[in-house]
Amino acid sequence: MSSTYIHGTSPREQERLLRQAATLEGIILDGFMADPGERVLEIGCGVGAVLERIATRFPRTRLTGIDISPEQVETARRHLAAQGVAAELVAGDGARLPFPDHSFDRVVMVWVIEHLPDPMAVLREARRVLRPGGMIHLTETDYDTIRTSPPDPAIRRFLDAFVACFDSMGDAHAGPRLGGRLEAAGFAEVEVRMVGVHAWCPSRAPQIRGLVDYLLEFIRPELPRMLEVAPAADHPAIRDGLARFERLAERPDGSISASIYKASASVP
């Protein structure tokens, strides 16, 4: 599982991950339950943002996190210690987990599948380290589901350029693939739900602004790479689309929608 994390590991990105988990905790933990004493592994734990949320909601769980980046693991170790969260943190490869068979009751992966060069290898490893009856919980999206209204060709070109850029390093459409991949990895009782996000003007303009700001926090830094991937003739439309997307909340008839995929499955 070589690292292909498109957003990098800068201090700015690390802070963004902490804000993201705090802002989207309701979506991230939607459908997740853990009994006291359960052993929970997060694959791709990053800076420990999701582990912190699990610890807050389920304080008596036993938490373990693994990430391919030693830098991220060290940041997670400092952050969780500062928050008083006890967790075992390991730098390692999700495709070769350094844990015995049946070590965990639950595995969590949040926006990780989309960055993996071989997601099936990681899912098979997740199944191996889960006990019989253990559960896996996945959160992903499909960036093509980001839609604005009324239709704006420049905004669409900007968002399409981001999807193409993401696909050059990962999988911008990981969400719809979760069910089939879980079944192919040998999981049972597979369930996939779509959780929608939608806001409109004028009454929900602040929510539009917040969602646009959240998206641009990780899309805008990719603009140079987006322009590298896109034909030169599209560059003016992409830049114009970015500017128009930034101002979406100012439109009296503006709206925005996106879909997040929540998947769960068990080990037979």
C-alpha atoms as a PDB file:
ATOM      1  CA  MET A   1       0.000   0.000   0.000  1.00  0.00           C
ATOM      2  CA  SER A   2       2.380   2.711  -1.171  1.00  0.00           C
ATOM      3  CA  SER A   3       1.304   6.204  -0.249  1.00  0.00           C
ATOM      4  CA  THR A   4      -0.618   8.022  -2.997  1.00  0.00           C
ATOM      5  CA  TYR A   5      -2.317  10.503  -0.686  1.00  0.00           C
ATOM      6  CA  ILE A   6      -3.095  13.365  -3.038  1.00  0.00           C
ATOM      7  CA  HIS A   7      -3.346  16.006  -0.296  1.00  0.00           C
ATOM      8  CA  GLY A   8       0.090  15.456   1.266  1.00  0.00           C
ATOM      9  CA  THR A   9       1.111  15.645   4.928  1.00  0.00           C
ATOM     10  CA  SER A  10       1.836  19.338   5.440  1.00  0.00           C
ATOM     11  CA  PRO A  11       0.873  21.019   8.742  1.00  0.00           C
ATOM     12  CA  ARG A  12      -1.946  22.754   6.843  1.00  0.00           C
ATOM     13  CA  GLU A  13      -3.316  19.402   5.691  1.00  0.00           C
ATOM     14  CA  GLN A  14      -2.954  17.913   9.164  1.00  0.00           C
ATOM     15  CA  GLU A  15      -5.004  20.758  10.627  1.00  0.00           C
ATOM     16  CA  ARG A  16      -7.581  20.294   7.862  1.00  0.00           C
ATOM     17  CA  LEU A  17      -8.013  16.626   8.783  1.00  0.00           C
ATOM     18  CA  LEU A  18      -8.710  17.561  12.406  1.00  0.00           C
ATOM     19  CA  ARG A  19     -11.298  20.174  11.359  1.00  0.00           C
ATOM     20  CA  GLN A  20     -12.865  17.750   8.876  1.00  0.00           C
ATOM     21  CA  ALA A  21     -13.426  15.065  11.519  1.00  0.00           C
ATOM     22  CA  ALA A  22     -14.896  17.579  13.947  1.00  0.00           C
ATOM     23  CA  THR A  23     -17.212  19.109  11.322  1.00  0.00           C
ATOM     24  CA  LEU A  24     -18.346  15.803   9.785  1.00  0.00           C
ATOM     25  CA  GLU A  25     -18.408  13.641  12.909  1.00  0.00           C
ATOM     26  CA  GLY A  26     -22.115  12.934  12.432  1.00  0.00           C
ATOM     27  CA  ILE A  27     -21.500  11.528   8.949  1.00  0.00           C
ATOM     28  CA  ILE A  28     -18.235   9.758   9.809  1.00  0.00           C
ATOM     29  CA  LEU A  29     -19.786   7.904  12.760  1.00  0.00           C
ATOM     30  CA  ASP A  30     -23.203   7.420  11.159  1.00  0.00           C
ATOM     31  CA  GLY A  31     -23.994   3.714  11.563  1.00  0.00           C
ATOM     32  CA  PHE A  32     -20.941   3.003  13.723  1.00  0.00           C
ATOM     33  CA  MET A  33     -21.468   1.390  17.134  1.00  0.00           C
ATOM     34  CA  ALA A  34     -18.953  -0.133  19.533  1.00  0.00           C
ATOM     35  CA  ASP A  35     -19.534  -1.914  22.820  1.00  0.00           C
ATOM     36  CA  PRO A  36     -17.282  -1.282  25.830  1.00  0.00           C
ATOM     37  CA  GLY A  37     -14.031  -3.180  25.516  1.00  0.00           C
ATOM     38  CA  GLU A  38     -14.270  -3.748  21.764  1.00  0.00           C
ATOM     39  CA  ARG A  39     -11.013  -3.628  19.824  1.00  0.00           C
ATOM     40  CA  VAL A  40     -11.223  -1.060  17.025  1.00  0.00           C
ATOM     41  CA  LEU A  41      -8.605  -0.670  14.281  1.00  0.00           C
ATOM     42  CA  GLU A  42      -8.514   2.355  11.992  1.00  0.00           C
ATOM     43  CA  ILE A  43      -6.574   1.716   8.791  1.00  0.00           C
ATOM     44  CA  GLY A  44      -5.243   4.981   7.391  1.00  0.00           C
ATOM     45  CA  CYS A  45      -5.573   6.773  10.705  1.00  0.00           C
ATOM     46  CA  GLY A  46      -3.696   9.885   9.569  1.00  0.00           C
ATOM     47  CA  VAL A  47      -3.339  12.366  12.418  1.00  0.00           C
ATOM     48  CA  GLY A  48      -5.758  10.501  14.702  1.00  0.00           C
ATOM     49  CA  ALA A  49      -8.736  12.753  13.994  1.00  0.00           C
ATOM     50  CA  VAL A  50     -11.264   9.914  13.608  1.00  0.00           C
ATOM     51  CA  LEU A  51      -9.824   7.930  16.517  1.00  0.00           C
ATOM     52  CA  GLU A  52     -10.365  10.987  18.698  1.00  0.00           C
ATOM     53  CA  ARG A  53     -14.034  11.133  17.645  1.00  0.00           C
ATOM     54  CA  ILE A  54     -14.513   7.422  18.331  1.00  0.00           C
ATOM     55  CA  ALA A  55     -12.909   7.800  21.761  1.00  0.00           C
ATOM     56  CA  THR A  56     -15.219  10.693  22.605  1.00  0.00           C
ATOM     57  CA  ARG A  57     -18.364   8.822  21.521  1.00  0.00           C
ATOM     58  CA  PHE A  58     -17.278   5.364  22.748  1.00  0.00           C
ATOM     59  CA  PRO A  59     -14.799   6.028  25.551  1.00  0.00           C
ATOM     60  CA  ARG A  60     -14.328   2.420  26.666  1.00  0.00           C
ATOM     61  CA  THR A  61     -13.174   1.025  23.330  1.00  0.00           C
ATOM     62  CA  ARG A  62      -9.613  -0.194  22.799  1.00  0.00           C
ATOM     63  CA  LEU A  63      -8.213   1.801  19.882  1.00  0.00           C
ATOM     64  CA  THR A  64      -5.457   1.016  17.389  1.00  0.00           C
ATOM     65  CA  GLY A  65      -4.448   3.057  14.379  1.00  0.00           C
ATOM     66  CA  ILE A  66      -2.110   2.338  11.477  1.00  0.00           C
ATOM     67  CA  ASP A  67      -0.914   4.640   8.718  1.00  0.00           C
ATOM     68  CA  ILE A  68       1.671   4.296   5.960  1.00  0.00           C
ATOM     69  CA  SER A  69       3.192   7.664   6.913  1.00  0.00           C
ATOM     70  CA  PRO A  70       5.457   7.718  10.009  1.00  0.00           C
ATOM     71  CA  GLU A  71       5.067  11.496  10.030  1.00  0.00           C
ATOM     72  CA  GLN A  72       1.283  11.215  10.300  1.00  0.00           C
ATOM     73  CA  VAL A  73       1.559   8.562  13.017  1.00  0.00           C
ATOM     74  CA  GLU A  74       3.867  10.744  15.078  1.00  0.00           C
ATOM     75  CA  THR A  75       1.461  13.684  14.738  1.00  0.00           C
ATOM     76  CA  ALA A  76      -1.413  11.397  15.756  1.00  0.00           C
ATOM     77  CA  ARG A  77       0.542  10.225  18.775  1.00  0.00           C
ATOM     78  CA  ARG A  78       1.092  13.812  19.966  1.00  0.00           C
ATOM     79  CA  HIS A  79      -2.459  14.903  19.210  1.00  0.00           C
ATOM     80  CA  LEU A  80      -4.195  11.987  20.913  1.00  0.00           C
ATOM     81  CA  ALA A  81      -1.929  12.224  23.955  1.00  0.00           C
ATOM     82  CA  ALA A  82      -2.817  15.911  24.266  1.00  0.00           C
ATOM     83  CA  GLN A  83      -6.511  14.968  24.143  1.00  0.00           C
ATOM     84  CA  GLY A  84      -6.088  12.233  26.739  1.00  0.00           C
ATOM     85  CA  VAL A  85      -6.945   9.482  24.235  1.00  0.00           C
ATOM     86  CA  ALA A  86      -5.214   6.134  24.698  1.00  0.00           C
ATOM     87  CA  ALA A  87      -4.446   4.375  21.416  1.00  0.00           C
ATOM     88  CA  GLU A  88      -1.821   2.051  20.005  1.00  0.00           C
ATOM     89  CA  LEU A  89      -0.406   3.704  16.889  1.00  0.00           C
ATOM     90  CA  VAL A  90       1.692   1.920  14.287  1.00  0.00           C
ATOM     91  CA  ALA A  91       3.420   3.051  11.112  1.00  0.00           C
ATOM     92  CA  GLY A  92       2.824   0.306   8.577  1.00  0.00           C
ATOM     93  CA  ASP A  93       1.264  -0.974   5.387  1.00  0.00           C
ATOM     94  CA  GLY A  94      -2.470  -1.676   5.346  1.00  0.00           C
ATOM     95  CA  ALA A  95      -1.863  -4.392   2.758  1.00  0.00           C
ATOM     96  CA  ARG A  96       0.426  -6.220   5.230  1.00  0.00           C
ATOM     97  CA  LEU A  97      -1.059  -5.526   8.640  1.00  0.00           C
ATOM     98  CA  PRO A  98       1.331  -6.378  11.505  1.00  0.00           C
ATOM     99  CA  PHE A  99      -1.428  -7.959  13.609  1.00  0.00           C
ATOM    100  CA  PRO A 100      -2.429 -11.600  14.183  1.00  0.00           C
ATOM    101  CA  ASP A 101      -5.593 -13.108  12.739  1.00  0.00           C
ATOM    102  CA  HIS A 102      -8.833 -12.207  14.555  1.00  0.00           C
ATOM    103  CA  SER A 103      -7.212  -9.346  16.530  1.00  0.00           C
ATOM    104  CA  PHE A 104     -10.075  -6.849  16.243  1.00  0.00           C
ATOM    105  CA  ASP A 105     -13.820  -6.515  16.604  1.00  0.00           C
ATOM    106  CA  ARG A 106     -14.142  -3.591  14.182  1.00  0.00           C
ATOM    107  CA  VAL A 107     -12.145  -1.996  11.380  1.00  0.00           C
ATOM    108  CA  VAL A 108     -12.772   1.598  10.297  1.00  0.00           C
ATOM    109  CA  MET A 109     -11.597   3.307   7.115  1.00  0.00           C
ATOM    110  CA  VAL A 110     -12.619   6.893   6.375  1.00  0.00           C
ATOM    111  CA  TRP A 111     -11.776   8.335   2.939  1.00  0.00           C
ATOM    112  CA  VAL A 112      -8.916   5.877   2.585  1.00  0.00           C
ATOM    113  CA  ILE A 113     -10.036   3.450  -0.162  1.00  0.00           C
ATOM    114  CA  GLU A 114      -9.997   6.328  -2.642  1.00  0.00           C
ATOM    115  CA  HIS A 115      -6.232   6.732  -2.147  1.00  0.00           C
ATOM    116  CA  LEU A 116      -5.156   3.071  -2.342  1.00  0.00           C
ATOM    117  CA  PRO A 117      -3.417   1.566  -5.385  1.00  0.00           C
ATOM    118  CA  ASP A 118      -4.679  -1.913  -4.354  1.00  0.00           C
ATOM    119  CA  PRO A 119      -7.796  -1.566  -2.195  1.00  0.00           C
ATOM    120  CA  MET A 120      -8.611  -5.280  -2.424  1.00  0.00           C
ATOM    121  CA  ALA A 121      -5.335  -6.206  -0.714  1.00  0.00           C
ATOM    122  CA  VAL A 122      -6.194  -3.914   2.191  1.00  0.00           C
ATOM    123  CA  LEU A 123      -9.776  -5.183   2.447  1.00  0.00           C
ATOM    124  CA  ARG A 124      -8.570  -8.783   2.509  1.00  0.00           C
ATOM    125  CA  GLU A 125      -6.129  -7.894   5.293  1.00  0.00           C
ATOM    126  CA  ALA A 126      -8.926  -6.149   7.193  1.00  0.00           C
ATOM    127  CA  ARG A 127     -10.991  -9.331   6.947  1.00  0.00           C
ATOM    128  CA  ARG A 128      -8.056 -11.408   8.191  1.00  0.00           C
ATOM    129  CA  VAL A 129      -7.513  -9.369  11.364  1.00  0.00           C
ATOM    130  CA  LEU A 130     -11.223  -9.217  12.207  1.00  0.00           C
ATOM    131  CA  ARG A 131     -12.720 -11.931  14.394  1.00  0.00           C
ATOM    132  CA  PRO A 132     -15.623 -14.010  13.002  1.00  0.00           C
ATOM    133  CA  GLY A 133     -18.657 -11.761  13.282  1.00  0.00           C
ATOM    134  CA  GLY A 134     -16.446  -8.671  13.361  1.00  0.00           C
ATOM    135  CA  MET A 135     -17.507  -5.608  11.384  1.00  0.00           C
ATOM    136  CA  ILE A 136     -15.889  -3.278   8.884  1.00  0.00           C
ATOM    137  CA  HIS A 137     -17.116   0.313   8.446  1.00  0.00           C
ATOM    138  CA  LEU A 138     -16.173   2.343   5.347  1.00  0.00           C
ATOM    139  CA  THR A 139     -16.825   5.965   4.419  1.00  0.00           C
ATOM    140  CA  GLU A 140     -16.158   7.131   0.846  1.00  0.00           C
ATOM    141  CA  THR A 141     -17.614   9.437  -1.769  1.00  0.00           C
ATOM    142  CA  ASP A 142     -17.886   9.926  -5.514  1.00  0.00           C
ATOM    143  CA  TYR A 143     -16.610  13.394  -6.377  1.00  0.00           C
ATOM    144  CA  ASP A 144     -18.744  13.342  -9.509  1.00  0.00           C
ATOM    145  CA  THR A 145     -21.775  13.689  -7.212  1.00  0.00           C
ATOM    146  CA  ILE A 146     -20.846  17.282  -6.349  1.00  0.00           C
ATOM    147  CA  ARG A 147     -23.498  19.255  -8.207  1.00  0.00           C
ATOM    148  CA  THR A 148     -24.373  22.922  -8.227  1.00  0.00           C
ATOM    149  CA  SER A 149     -27.546  24.551  -9.446  1.00  0.00           C
ATOM    150  CA  PRO A 150     -28.461  26.316 -11.622  1.00  0.00           C
ATOM    151  CA  PRO A 151     -26.160  24.453 -14.044  1.00  0.00           C
ATOM    152  CA  ASP A 152     -22.970  26.401 -14.667  1.00  0.00           C
ATOM    153  CA  PRO A 153     -20.633  25.068 -17.393  1.00  0.00           C
ATOM    154  CA  ALA A 154     -17.579  26.789 -15.908  1.00  0.00           C
ATOM    155  CA  ILE A 155     -18.157  25.334 -12.431  1.00  0.00           C
ATOM    156  CA  ARG A 156     -18.771  21.919 -13.989  1.00  0.00           C
ATOM    157  CA  ARG A 157     -15.489  22.169 -15.911  1.00  0.00           C
ATOM    158  CA  PHE A 158     -13.666  23.121 -12.715  1.00  0.00           C
ATOM    159  CA  LEU A 159     -15.120  20.178 -10.785  1.00  0.00           C
ATOM    160  CA  ASP A 160     -14.495  17.795 -13.694  1.00  0.00           C
ATOM    161  CA  ALA A 161     -10.857  18.925 -13.728  1.00  0.00           C
ATOM    162  CA  PHE A 162     -10.559  18.068 -10.053  1.00  0.00           C
ATOM    163  CA  VAL A 163     -12.056  14.613 -10.645  1.00  0.00           C
ATOM    164  CA  ALA A 164      -9.592  13.993 -13.494  1.00  0.00           C
ATOM    165  CA  CYS A 165      -6.722  15.164 -11.297  1.00  0.00           C
ATOM    166  CA  PHE A 166      -7.848  12.926  -8.428  1.00  0.00           C
ATOM    167  CA  ASP A 167      -8.198   9.949 -10.765  1.00  0.00           C
ATOM    168  CA  SER A 168      -4.605  10.467 -11.900  1.00  0.00           C
ATOM    169  CA  MET A 169      -3.485   9.589  -8.344  1.00  0.00           C
ATOM    170  CA  GLY A 170      -6.408   7.708  -6.803  1.00  0.00           C
ATOM    171  CA  ASP A 171     -10.066   6.809  -7.309  1.00  0.00           C
ATOM    172  CA  ALA A 172     -12.524   9.697  -7.340  1.00  0.00           C
ATOM    173  CA  HIS A 173     -15.422   7.221  -7.615  1.00  0.00           C
ATOM    174  CA  ALA A 174     -14.604   4.870  -4.725  1.00  0.00           C
ATOM    175  CA  GLY A 175     -18.012   5.150  -3.038  1.00  0.00           C
ATOM    176  CA  PRO A 176     -20.152   3.252  -5.566  1.00  0.00           C
ATOM    177  CA  ARG A 177     -17.575   0.444  -5.716  1.00  0.00           C
ATOM    178  CA  LEU A 178     -17.635  -0.380  -1.991  1.00  0.00           C
ATOM    179  CA  GLY A 179     -20.348  -3.048  -2.046  1.00  0.00           C
ATOM    180  CA  GLY A 180     -18.785  -5.134  -4.779  1.00  0.00           C
ATOM    181  CA  ARG A 181     -15.316  -4.835  -3.330  1.00  0.00           C
ATOM    182  CA  LEU A 182     -16.459  -5.950   0.125  1.00  0.00           C
ATOM    183  CA  GLU A 183     -18.192  -8.974  -1.355  1.00  0.00           C
ATOM    184  CA  ALA A 184     -15.125  -9.836  -3.442  1.00  0.00           C
ATOM    185  CA  ALA A 185     -12.953  -9.611  -0.312  1.00  0.00           C
ATOM    186  CA  GLY A 186     -15.118 -12.261   1.372  1.00  0.00           C
ATOM    187  CA  PHE A 187     -17.291 -10.134   3.636  1.00  0.00           C
ATOM    188  CA  ALA A 188     -20.939 -10.962   4.315  1.00  0.00           C
ATOM    189  CA  GLU A 189     -24.054  -8.944   5.169  1.00  0.00           C
ATOM    190  CA  VAL A 190     -22.801  -6.085   3.035  1.00  0.00           C
ATOM    191  CA  GLU A 191     -24.816  -2.878   3.275  1.00  0.00           C
ATOM    192  CA  VAL A 192     -24.189   0.403   1.470  1.00  0.00           C
ATOM    193  CA  ARG A 193     -26.135   3.609   2.111  1.00  0.00           C
ATOM    194  CA  MET A 194     -25.902   7.010   0.459  1.00  0.00           C
ATOM    195  CA  VAL A 195     -25.953  10.025   2.754  1.00  0.00           C
ATOM    196  CA  GLY A 196     -26.857  13.224   0.955  1.00  0.00           C
ATOM    197  CA  VAL A 197     -25.645  16.746   1.683  1.00  0.00           C
ATOM    198  CA  HIS A 198     -27.698  19.613   0.244  1.00  0.00           C
ATOM    199  CA  ALA A 199     -27.999  23.347   0.844  1.00  0.00           C
ATOM    200  CA  TRP A 200     -29.745  26.170  -1.016  1.00  0.00           C
ATOM    201  CA  CYS A 201     -30.097  29.939  -1.155  1.00  0.00           C
ATOM    202  CA  PRO A 202     -31.231  32.183   0.273  1.00  0.00           C
ATOM    203  CA  SER A 203     -32.014  30.618   3.661  1.00  0.00           C
ATOM    204  CA  ARG A 204     -29.130  28.121   3.641  1.00  0.00           C
ATOM    205  CA  ALA A 205     -26.489  30.393   2.116  1.00  0.00           C
ATOM    206  CA  PRO A 206     -24.237  30.025   5.194  1.00  0.00           C
ATOM    207  CA  GLN A 207     -24.323  26.237   4.770  1.00  0.00           C
ATOM    208  CA  ILE A 208     -23.423  26.594   1.082  1.00  0.00           C
ATOM    209  CA  ARG A 209     -20.545  28.862   2.018  1.00  0.00           C
ATOM    210  CA  GLY A 210     -19.346  26.383   4.635  1.00  0.00           C
ATOM    211  CA  LEU A 211     -19.536  23.421   2.254  1.00  0.00           C
ATOM    212  CA  VAL A 212     -17.810  25.326  -0.556  1.00  0.00           C
ATOM    213  CA  ASP A 213     -15.054  26.450   1.828  1.00  0.00           C
ATOM    214  CA  TYR A 214     -14.636  22.874   3.069  1.00  0.00           C
ATOM    215  CA  LEU A 215     -14.312  21.513  -0.481  1.00  0.00           C
ATOM    216  CA  LEU A 216     -11.978  24.257  -1.634  1.00  0.00           C
ATOM    217  CA  GLU A 217      -9.705  23.646   1.319  1.00  0.00           C
ATOM    218  CA  PHE A 218      -8.535  20.452  -0.375  1.00  0.00           C
ATOM    219  CA  ILE A 219      -9.387  21.245  -4.017  1.00  0.00           C
ATOM    220  CA  ARG A 220      -7.754  24.665  -4.400  1.00  0.00           C
ATOM    221  CA  PRO A 221      -4.224  23.438  -3.535  1.00  0.00           C
ATOM    222  CA  GLU A 222      -4.542  20.948  -6.396  1.00  0.00           C
ATOM    223  CA  LEU A 223      -5.169  23.671  -9.018  1.00  0.00           C
ATOM    224  CA  PRO A 224      -1.630  23.546 -10.488  1.00  0.00           C
ATOM    225  CA  ARG A 225      -1.887  19.769 -10.887  1.00  0.00           C
ATOM    226  CA  MET A 226      -5.422  20.108 -12.280  1.00  0.00           C
ATOM    227  CA  LEU A 227      -4.084  22.453 -14.955  1.00  0.00           C
ATOM    228  CA  GLU A 228      -1.279  20.013 -15.766  1.00  0.00           C
ATOM    229  CA  VAL A 229      -3.803  17.231 -16.391  1.00  0.00           C
ATOM    230  CA  ALA A 230      -6.293  19.384 -18.347  1.00  0.00           C
ATOM    231  CA  PRO A 231      -5.838  20.587 -21.938  1.00  0.00           C
ATOM    232  CA  ALA A 232      -4.436  24.120 -22.105  1.00  0.00           C
ATOM    233  CA  ALA A 233      -7.582  25.280 -23.921  1.00  0.00           C
ATOM    234  CA  ASP A 234      -9.612  24.454 -20.786  1.00  0.00           C
ATOM    235  CA  HIS A 235      -7.465  26.452 -18.358  1.00  0.00           C
ATOM    236  CA  PRO A 236      -9.450  29.734 -18.583  1.00  0.00           C
ATOM    237  CA  ALA A 237     -12.750  27.882 -17.972  1.00  0.00           C
ATOM    238  CA  ILE A 238     -11.267  26.011 -15.010  1.00  0.00           C
ATOM    239  CA  ARG A 239     -10.013  29.209 -13.391  1.00  0.00           C
ATOM    240  CA  ASP A 240     -13.333  30.934 -14.090  1.00  0.00           C
ATOM    241  CA  GLY A 241     -15.175  27.936 -12.636  1.00  0.00           C
ATOM    242  CA  LEU A 242     -13.135  28.156  -9.449  1.00  0.00           C
ATOM    243  CA  ALA A 243     -14.026  31.843  -9.070  1.00  0.00           C
ATOM    244  CA  ARG A 244     -17.714  31.162  -9.749  1.00  0.00           C
ATOM    245  CA  PHE A 245     -17.748  28.207  -7.341  1.00  0.00           C
ATOM    246  CA  GLU A 246     -16.277  30.441  -4.635  1.00  0.00           C
ATOM    247  CA  ARG A 247     -19.212  32.839  -5.091  1.00  0.00           C
ATOM    248  CA  LEU A 248     -21.981  30.210  -5.234  1.00  0.00           C
ATOM    249  CA  ALA A 249     -23.492  31.325  -1.910  1.00  0.00           C
ATOM    250  CA  GLU A 250     -23.983  34.827  -3.326  1.00  0.00           C
ATOM    251  CA  ARG A 251     -26.451  33.583  -5.948  1.00  0.00           C
ATOM    252  CA  PRO A 252     -30.088  33.973  -4.830  1.00  0.00           C
ATOM    253  CA  ASP A 253     -30.961  30.713  -6.632  1.00  0.00           C
ATOM    254  CA  GLY A 254     -27.768  28.792  -5.866  1.00  0.00           C
ATOM    255  CA  SER A 255     -27.652  25.297  -4.393  1.00  0.00           C
ATOM    256  CA  ILE A 256     -25.144  22.492  -3.910  1.00  0.00           C
ATOM    257  CA  SER A 257     -25.466  18.734  -3.411  1.00  0.00           C
ATOM    258  CA  ALA A 258     -23.092  15.826  -2.783  1.00  0.00           C
ATOM    259  CA  SER A 259     -23.352  12.151  -1.811  1.00  0.00           C
ATOM    260  CA  ILE A 260     -21.318  10.167   0.720  1.00  0.00           C
ATOM    261  CA  TYR A 261     -21.331   6.360   0.762  1.00  0.00           C
ATOM    262  CA  LYS A 262     -21.469   4.480   4.066  1.00  0.00           C
ATOM    263  CA  ALA A 263     -20.692   0.765   3.856  1.00  0.00           C
ATOM    264  CA  SER A 264     -20.611  -1.948   6.505  1.00  0.00           C
ATOM    265  CA  ALA A 265     -20.102  -5.697   6.394  1.00  0.00           C
ATOM    266  CA  SER A 266     -19.285  -8.616   8.659  1.00  0.00           C
ATOM    267  CA  VAL A 267     -16.838 -11.509   8.668  1.00  0.00           C
ATOM    268  CA  PRO A 268     -18.651 -14.841   8.214  1.00  0.00           C
END
